[in-house]
Amino acid sequence: MGVLTLGTIILVVVLMQVGAAARARLLRKDEERLVALVDRYERTAAASARHEEVAAGELADVRTRLDAIERLLREVE
């Protein structure tokens, strides 16, 4: 009877440890996915900032050219 009880206790402890290890593996995978997602977000944000700077520069150039065209048209009138 004692051997059966001891065997049951050992089996329960082993199953608990296997479950804990499986949960730890899943948490590690989730953490790795989150780190990858943050890295992807940071790269996307940096690319967006670069595109925004380029667009702002091009818009400033267009405004300068539009002002020049308006001055030219006023002189022609």
PDB file of N, CA and C in Angstrom:
ATOM      1  N   MET A   1       0.820  -1.192   0.000  1.00  0.00           N
ATOM      2  CA  MET A   1       0.000   0.000   0.000  1.00  0.00           C
ATOM      3  C   MET A   1       0.867   1.260   0.000  1.00  0.00           C
ATOM      4  N   GLY A   2       1.935   1.230   0.794  1.00  0.00           N
ATOM      5  CA  GLY A   2       2.835   2.372   0.873  1.00  0.00           C
ATOM      6  C   GLY A   2       3.539   2.637  -0.458  1.00  0.00           C
ATOM      7  N   VAL A   3       3.903   1.561  -1.149  1.00  0.00           N
ATOM      8  CA  VAL A   3       4.567   1.687  -2.448  1.00  0.00           C
ATOM      9  C   VAL A   3       3.618   2.329  -3.456  1.00  0.00           C
ATOM     10  N   LEU A   4       2.356   1.947  -3.414  1.00  0.00           N
ATOM     11  CA  LEU A   4       1.365   2.510  -4.322  1.00  0.00           C
ATOM     12  C   LEU A   4       1.158   4.003  -4.051  1.00  0.00           C
ATOM     13  N   THR A   5       1.107   4.378  -2.789  1.00  0.00           N
ATOM     14  CA  THR A   5       0.961   5.786  -2.417  1.00  0.00           C
ATOM     15  C   THR A   5       2.186   6.582  -2.851  1.00  0.00           C
ATOM     16  N   LEU A   6       3.362   6.039  -2.581  1.00  0.00           N
ATOM     17  CA  LEU A   6       4.600   6.711  -2.978  1.00  0.00           C
ATOM     18  C   LEU A   6       4.671   6.844  -4.499  1.00  0.00           C
ATOM     19  N   GLY A   7       4.297   5.812  -5.226  1.00  0.00           N
ATOM     20  CA  GLY A   7       4.288   5.856  -6.693  1.00  0.00           C
ATOM     21  C   GLY A   7       3.317   6.908  -7.211  1.00  0.00           C
ATOM     22  N   THR A   8       2.150   7.007  -6.574  1.00  0.00           N
ATOM     23  CA  THR A   8       1.166   8.009  -6.980  1.00  0.00           C
ATOM     24  C   THR A   8       1.698   9.418  -6.734  1.00  0.00           C
ATOM     25  N   ILE A   9       2.310   9.630  -5.592  1.00  0.00           N
ATOM     26  CA  ILE A   9       2.876  10.951  -5.274  1.00  0.00           C
ATOM     27  C   ILE A   9       3.960  11.321  -6.277  1.00  0.00           C
ATOM     28  N   ILE A  10       4.835  10.385  -6.573  1.00  0.00           N
ATOM     29  CA  ILE A  10       5.909  10.648  -7.539  1.00  0.00           C
ATOM     30  C   ILE A  10       5.318  10.948  -8.917  1.00  0.00           C
ATOM     31  N   LEU A  11       4.308  10.191  -9.324  1.00  0.00           N
ATOM     32  CA  LEU A  11       3.667  10.419 -10.617  1.00  0.00           C
ATOM     33  C   LEU A  11       3.029  11.807 -10.677  1.00  0.00           C
ATOM     34  N   VAL A  12       2.363  12.215  -9.617  1.00  0.00           N
ATOM     35  CA  VAL A  12       1.728  13.541  -9.575  1.00  0.00           C
ATOM     36  C   VAL A  12       2.784  14.636  -9.658  1.00  0.00           C
ATOM     37  N   VAL A  13       3.874  14.487  -8.927  1.00  0.00           N
ATOM     38  CA  VAL A  13       4.947  15.493  -8.944  1.00  0.00           C
ATOM     39  C   VAL A  13       5.574  15.569 -10.335  1.00  0.00           C
ATOM     40  N   VAL A  14       5.818  14.431 -10.948  1.00  0.00           N
ATOM     41  CA  VAL A  14       6.405  14.422 -12.292  1.00  0.00           C
ATOM     42  C   VAL A  14       5.466  15.090 -13.280  1.00  0.00           C
ATOM     43  N   LEU A  15       4.182  14.787 -13.220  1.00  0.00           N
ATOM     44  CA  LEU A  15       3.212  15.410 -14.129  1.00  0.00           C
ATOM     45  C   LEU A  15       3.132  16.921 -13.908  1.00  0.00           C
ATOM     46  N   MET A  16       3.201  17.347 -12.659  1.00  0.00           N
ATOM     47  CA  MET A  16       3.189  18.790 -12.382  1.00  0.00           C
ATOM     48  C   MET A  16       4.427  19.469 -12.975  1.00  0.00           C
ATOM     49  N   GLN A  17       5.565  18.828 -12.853  1.00  0.00           N
ATOM     50  CA  GLN A  17       6.798  19.405 -13.392  1.00  0.00           C
ATOM     51  C   GLN A  17       6.775  19.451 -14.918  1.00  0.00           C
ATOM     52  N   VAL A  18       6.239  18.396 -15.532  1.00  0.00           N
ATOM     53  CA  VAL A  18       6.124  18.387 -17.002  1.00  0.00           C
ATOM     54  C   VAL A  18       5.197  19.509 -17.453  1.00  0.00           C
ATOM     55  N   GLY A  19       4.088  19.696 -16.742  1.00  0.00           N
ATOM     56  CA  GLY A  19       3.166  20.787 -17.077  1.00  0.00           C
ATOM     57  C   GLY A  19       3.815  22.150 -16.910  1.00  0.00           C
ATOM     58  N   ALA A  20       4.576  22.329 -15.834  1.00  0.00           N
ATOM     59  CA  ALA A  20       5.260  23.598 -15.597  1.00  0.00           C
ATOM     60  C   ALA A  20       6.293  23.867 -16.694  1.00  0.00           C
ATOM     61  N   ALA A  21       6.999  22.832 -17.103  1.00  0.00           N
ATOM     62  CA  ALA A  21       7.997  23.002 -18.173  1.00  0.00           C
ATOM     63  C   ALA A  21       7.313  23.368 -19.492  1.00  0.00           C
ATOM     64  N   ALA A  22       6.165  22.737 -19.763  1.00  0.00           N
ATOM     65  CA  ALA A  22       5.443  23.047 -21.001  1.00  0.00           C
ATOM     66  C   ALA A  22       4.940  24.488 -20.975  1.00  0.00           C
ATOM     67  N   ARG A  23       4.419  24.936 -19.832  1.00  0.00           N
ATOM     68  CA  ARG A  23       3.971  26.330 -19.713  1.00  0.00           C
ATOM     69  C   ARG A  23       5.139  27.293 -19.890  1.00  0.00           C
ATOM     70  N   ALA A  24       6.290  26.962 -19.321  1.00  0.00           N
ATOM     71  CA  ALA A  24       7.469  27.822 -19.448  1.00  0.00           C
ATOM     72  C   ALA A  24       7.899  27.925 -20.909  1.00  0.00           C
ATOM     73  N   ARG A  25       7.851  26.806 -21.635  1.00  0.00           N
ATOM     74  CA  ARG A  25       8.204  26.832 -23.054  1.00  0.00           C
ATOM     75  C   ARG A  25       7.252  27.728 -23.835  1.00  0.00           C
ATOM     76  N   LEU A  26       5.956  27.614 -23.543  1.00  0.00           N
ATOM     77  CA  LEU A  26       4.967  28.445 -24.236  1.00  0.00           C
ATOM     78  C   LEU A  26       5.161  29.921 -23.919  1.00  0.00           C
ATOM     79  N   LEU A  27       5.452  30.224 -22.664  1.00  0.00           N
ATOM     80  CA  LEU A  27       5.695  31.624 -22.289  1.00  0.00           C
ATOM     81  C   LEU A  27       6.935  32.169 -22.993  1.00  0.00           C
ATOM     82  N   ARG A  28       7.977  31.350 -23.104  1.00  0.00           N
ATOM     83  CA  ARG A  28       9.195  31.785 -23.787  1.00  0.00           C
ATOM     84  C   ARG A  28       8.919  32.051 -25.262  1.00  0.00           C
ATOM     85  N   LYS A  29       8.107  31.170 -25.888  1.00  0.00           N
ATOM     86  CA  LYS A  29       7.752  31.388 -27.297  1.00  0.00           C
ATOM     87  C   LYS A  29       6.955  32.670 -27.457  1.00  0.00           C
ATOM     88  N   ASP A  30       6.002  32.911 -26.542  1.00  0.00           N
ATOM     89  CA  ASP A  30       5.211  34.148 -26.602  1.00  0.00           C
ATOM     90  C   ASP A  30       6.105  35.368 -26.451  1.00  0.00           C
ATOM     91  N   GLU A  31       7.055  35.277 -25.533  1.00  0.00           N
ATOM     92  CA  GLU A  31       7.967  36.397 -25.322  1.00  0.00           C
ATOM     93  C   GLU A  31       8.825  36.649 -26.564  1.00  0.00           C
ATOM     94  N   GLU A  32       9.296  35.583 -27.188  1.00  0.00           N
ATOM     95  CA  GLU A  32      10.090  35.746 -28.405  1.00  0.00           C
ATOM     96  C   GLU A  32       9.254  36.384 -29.512  1.00  0.00           C
ATOM     97  N   ARG A  33       7.985  35.978 -29.635  1.00  0.00           N
ATOM     98  CA  ARG A  33       7.112  36.585 -30.641  1.00  0.00           C
ATOM     99  C   ARG A  33       6.873  38.053 -30.352  1.00  0.00           C
ATOM    100  N   LEU A  34       6.709  38.389 -29.077  1.00  0.00           N
ATOM    101  CA  LEU A  34       6.500  39.790 -28.717  1.00  0.00           C
ATOM    102  C   LEU A  34       7.745  40.630 -29.007  1.00  0.00           C
ATOM    103  N   VAL A  35       8.910  40.079 -28.718  1.00  0.00           N
ATOM    104  CA  VAL A  35      10.160  40.800 -29.004  1.00  0.00           C
ATOM    105  C   VAL A  35      10.288  41.025 -30.507  1.00  0.00           C
ATOM    106  N   ALA A  36       9.957  40.017 -31.295  1.00  0.00           N
ATOM    107  CA  ALA A  36      10.017  40.160 -32.755  1.00  0.00           C
ATOM    108  C   ALA A  36       9.018  41.201 -33.232  1.00  0.00           C
ATOM    109  N   LEU A  37       7.836  41.220 -32.628  1.00  0.00           N
ATOM    110  CA  LEU A  37       6.813  42.197 -33.002  1.00  0.00           C
ATOM    111  C   LEU A  37       7.260  43.614 -32.658  1.00  0.00           C
ATOM    112  N   VAL A  38       7.874  43.789 -31.500  1.00  0.00           N
ATOM    113  CA  VAL A  38       8.379  45.110 -31.110  1.00  0.00           C
ATOM    114  C   VAL A  38       9.486  45.547 -32.059  1.00  0.00           C
ATOM    115  N   ASP A  39      10.363  44.623 -32.410  1.00  0.00           N
ATOM    116  CA  ASP A  39      11.449  44.947 -33.343  1.00  0.00           C
ATOM    117  C   ASP A  39      10.876  45.364 -34.692  1.00  0.00           C
ATOM    118  N   ARG A  40       9.872  44.629 -35.161  1.00  0.00           N
ATOM    119  CA  ARG A  40       9.226  44.972 -36.441  1.00  0.00           C
ATOM    120  C   ARG A  40       8.552  46.340 -36.358  1.00  0.00           C
ATOM    121  N   TYR A  41       7.901  46.625 -35.224  1.00  0.00           N
ATOM    122  CA  TYR A  41       7.257  47.934 -35.030  1.00  0.00           C
ATOM    123  C   TYR A  41       8.288  49.057 -35.063  1.00  0.00           C
ATOM    124  N   GLU A  42       9.409  48.855 -34.393  1.00  0.00           N
ATOM    125  CA  GLU A  42      10.452  49.888 -34.360  1.00  0.00           C
ATOM    126  C   GLU A  42      10.996  50.149 -35.761  1.00  0.00           C
ATOM    127  N   ARG A  43      11.209  49.081 -36.541  1.00  0.00           N
ATOM    128  CA  ARG A  43      11.696  49.280 -37.910  1.00  0.00           C
ATOM    129  C   ARG A  43      10.658  50.010 -38.759  1.00  0.00           C
ATOM    130  N   THR A  44       9.379  49.646 -38.585  1.00  0.00           N
ATOM    131  CA  THR A  44       8.313  50.308 -39.340  1.00  0.00           C
ATOM    132  C   THR A  44       8.196  51.768 -38.948  1.00  0.00           C
ATOM    133  N   ALA A  45       8.310  52.059 -37.656  1.00  0.00           N
ATOM    134  CA  ALA A  45       8.232  53.441 -37.191  1.00  0.00           C
ATOM    135  C   ALA A  45       9.393  54.268 -37.739  1.00  0.00           C
ATOM    136  N   ALA A  46      10.576  53.691 -37.765  1.00  0.00           N
ATOM    137  CA  ALA A  46      11.736  54.406 -38.301  1.00  0.00           C
ATOM    138  C   ALA A  46      11.556  54.663 -39.796  1.00  0.00           C
ATOM    139  N   ALA A  47      11.059  53.678 -40.516  1.00  0.00           N
ATOM    140  CA  ALA A  47      10.831  53.857 -41.954  1.00  0.00           C
ATOM    141  C   ALA A  47       9.763  54.918 -42.192  1.00  0.00           C
ATOM    142  N   SER A  48       8.724  54.923 -41.372  1.00  0.00           N
ATOM    143  CA  SER A  48       7.669  55.928 -41.510  1.00  0.00           C
ATOM    144  C   SER A  48       8.221  57.325 -41.258  1.00  0.00           C
ATOM    145  N   ALA A  49       9.080  57.453 -40.265  1.00  0.00           N
ATOM    146  CA  ALA A  49       9.683  58.753 -39.965  1.00  0.00           C
ATOM    147  C   ALA A  49      10.533  59.227 -41.144  1.00  0.00           C
ATOM    148  N   ARG A  50      11.295  58.304 -41.743  1.00  0.00           N
ATOM    149  CA  ARG A  50      12.108  58.692 -42.903  1.00  0.00           C
ATOM    150  C   ARG A  50      11.217  59.129 -44.057  1.00  0.00           C
ATOM    151  N   HIS A  51      10.140  58.382 -44.308  1.00  0.00           N
ATOM    152  CA  HIS A  51       9.226  58.739 -45.395  1.00  0.00           C
ATOM    153  C   HIS A  51       8.554  60.082 -45.123  1.00  0.00           C
ATOM    154  N   GLU A  52       8.242  60.330 -43.869  1.00  0.00           N
ATOM    155  CA  GLU A  52       7.621  61.605 -43.496  1.00  0.00           C
ATOM    156  C   GLU A  52       8.582  62.770 -43.748  1.00  0.00           C
ATOM    157  N   GLU A  53       9.847  62.579 -43.429  1.00  0.00           N
ATOM    158  CA  GLU A  53      10.840  63.628 -43.677  1.00  0.00           C
ATOM    159  C   GLU A  53      10.983  63.894 -45.174  1.00  0.00           C
ATOM    160  N   VAL A  54      11.011  62.833 -45.965  1.00  0.00           N
ATOM    161  CA  VAL A  54      11.127  62.992 -47.415  1.00  0.00           C
ATOM    162  C   VAL A  54       9.898  63.709 -47.967  1.00  0.00           C
ATOM    163  N   ALA A  55       8.717  63.314 -47.506  1.00  0.00           N
ATOM    164  CA  ALA A  55       7.484  63.933 -47.979  1.00  0.00           C
ATOM    165  C   ALA A  55       7.434  65.404 -47.587  1.00  0.00           C
ATOM    166  N   ALA A  56       7.891  65.728 -46.376  1.00  0.00           N
ATOM    167  CA  ALA A  56       7.905  67.122 -45.934  1.00  0.00           C
ATOM    168  C   ALA A  56       8.852  67.950 -46.807  1.00  0.00           C
ATOM    169  N   GLY A  57      10.001  67.388 -47.132  1.00  0.00           N
ATOM    170  CA  GLY A  57      10.948  68.089 -48.004  1.00  0.00           C
ATOM    171  C   GLY A  57      10.374  68.311 -49.394  1.00  0.00           C
ATOM    172  N   GLU A  58       9.726  67.282 -49.928  1.00  0.00           N
ATOM    173  CA  GLU A  58       9.126  67.420 -51.255  1.00  0.00           C
ATOM    174  C   GLU A  58       7.985  68.427 -51.241  1.00  0.00           C
ATOM    175  N   LEU A  59       7.191  68.443 -50.170  1.00  0.00           N
ATOM    176  CA  LEU A  59       6.100  69.401 -50.050  1.00  0.00           C
ATOM    177  C   LEU A  59       6.643  70.821 -49.974  1.00  0.00           C
ATOM    178  N   ALA A  60       7.725  71.015 -49.246  1.00  0.00           N
ATOM    179  CA  ALA A  60       8.340  72.342 -49.169  1.00  0.00           C
ATOM    180  C   ALA A  60       8.826  72.775 -50.551  1.00  0.00           C
ATOM    181  N   ASP A  61       9.397  71.839 -51.299  1.00  0.00           N
ATOM    182  CA  ASP A  61       9.863  72.152 -52.651  1.00  0.00           C
ATOM    183  C   ASP A  61       8.688  72.533 -53.554  1.00  0.00           C
ATOM    184  N   VAL A  62       7.588  71.806 -53.445  1.00  0.00           N
ATOM    185  CA  VAL A  62       6.402  72.109 -54.254  1.00  0.00           C
ATOM    186  C   VAL A  62       5.860  73.485 -53.891  1.00  0.00           C
ATOM    187  N   ARG A  63       5.823  73.810 -52.608  1.00  0.00           N
ATOM    188  CA  ARG A  63       5.336  75.133 -52.190  1.00  0.00           C
ATOM    189  C   ARG A  63       6.241  76.248 -52.727  1.00  0.00           C
ATOM    190  N   THR A  64       7.532  76.016 -52.689  1.00  0.00           N
ATOM    191  CA  THR A  64       8.466  77.023 -53.214  1.00  0.00           C
ATOM    192  C   THR A  64       8.218  77.233 -54.706  1.00  0.00           C
ATOM    193  N   ARG A  65       8.063  76.154 -55.438  1.00  0.00           N
ATOM    194  CA  ARG A  65       7.814  76.269 -56.882  1.00  0.00           C
ATOM    195  C   ARG A  65       6.467  76.927 -57.165  1.00  0.00           C
ATOM    196  N   LEU A  66       5.450  76.597 -56.351  1.00  0.00           N
ATOM    197  CA  LEU A  66       4.135  77.205 -56.531  1.00  0.00           C
ATOM    198  C   LEU A  66       4.190  78.701 -56.262  1.00  0.00           C
ATOM    199  N   ASP A  67       4.926  79.107 -55.247  1.00  0.00           N
ATOM    200  CA  ASP A  67       5.092  80.539 -54.971  1.00  0.00           C
ATOM    201  C   ASP A  67       5.777  81.235 -56.146  1.00  0.00           C
ATOM    202  N   ALA A  68       6.772  80.588 -56.728  1.00  0.00           N
ATOM    203  CA  ALA A  68       7.476  81.167 -57.871  1.00  0.00           C
ATOM    204  C   ALA A  68       6.532  81.308 -59.069  1.00  0.00           C
ATOM    205  N   ILE A  69       5.708  80.304 -59.283  1.00  0.00           N
ATOM    206  CA  ILE A  69       4.743  80.358 -60.402  1.00  0.00           C
ATOM    207  C   ILE A  69       3.728  81.471 -60.165  1.00  0.00           C
ATOM    208  N   GLU A  70       3.251  81.607 -58.921  1.00  0.00           N
ATOM    209  CA  GLU A  70       2.296  82.676 -58.608  1.00  0.00           C
ATOM    210  C   GLU A  70       2.919  84.051 -58.837  1.00  0.00           C
ATOM    211  N   ARG A  71       4.168  84.243 -58.416  1.00  0.00           N
ATOM    212  CA  ARG A  71       4.843  85.522 -58.658  1.00  0.00           C
ATOM    213  C   ARG A  71       4.969  85.793 -60.154  1.00  0.00           C
ATOM    214  N   LEU A  72       5.320  84.745 -60.901  1.00  0.00           N
ATOM    215  CA  LEU A  72       5.457  84.891 -62.339  1.00  0.00           C
ATOM    216  C   LEU A  72       4.123  85.272 -62.988  1.00  0.00           C
ATOM    217  N   LEU A  73       3.054  84.651 -62.552  1.00  0.00           N
ATOM    218  CA  LEU A  73       1.738  84.963 -63.098  1.00  0.00           C
ATOM    219  C   LEU A  73       1.298  86.382 -62.717  1.00  0.00           C
ATOM    220  N   ARG A  74       1.625  86.851 -61.543  1.00  0.00           N
ATOM    221  CA  ARG A  74       1.286  88.219 -61.152  1.00  0.00           C
ATOM    222  C   ARG A  74       2.066  89.222 -62.016  1.00  0.00           C
ATOM    223  N   GLU A  75       3.305  88.898 -62.316  1.00  0.00           N
ATOM    224  CA  GLU A  75       4.113  89.806 -63.139  1.00  0.00           C
ATOM    225  C   GLU A  75       3.568  89.867 -64.566  1.00  0.00           C
ATOM    226  N   VAL A  76       3.050  88.743 -65.045  1.00  0.00           N
ATOM    227  CA  VAL A  76       2.530  88.701 -66.398  1.00  0.00           C
ATOM    228  C   VAL A  76       1.253  89.542 -66.516  1.00  0.00           C
ATOM    229  N   GLU A  77       0.430  89.575 -65.463  1.00  0.00           N
ATOM    230  CA  GLU A  77      -0.810  90.357 -65.497  1.00  0.00           C
ATOM    231  C   GLU A  77      -0.478  91.781 -65.609  1.00  0.00           C
TER     232      GLU A  77
END
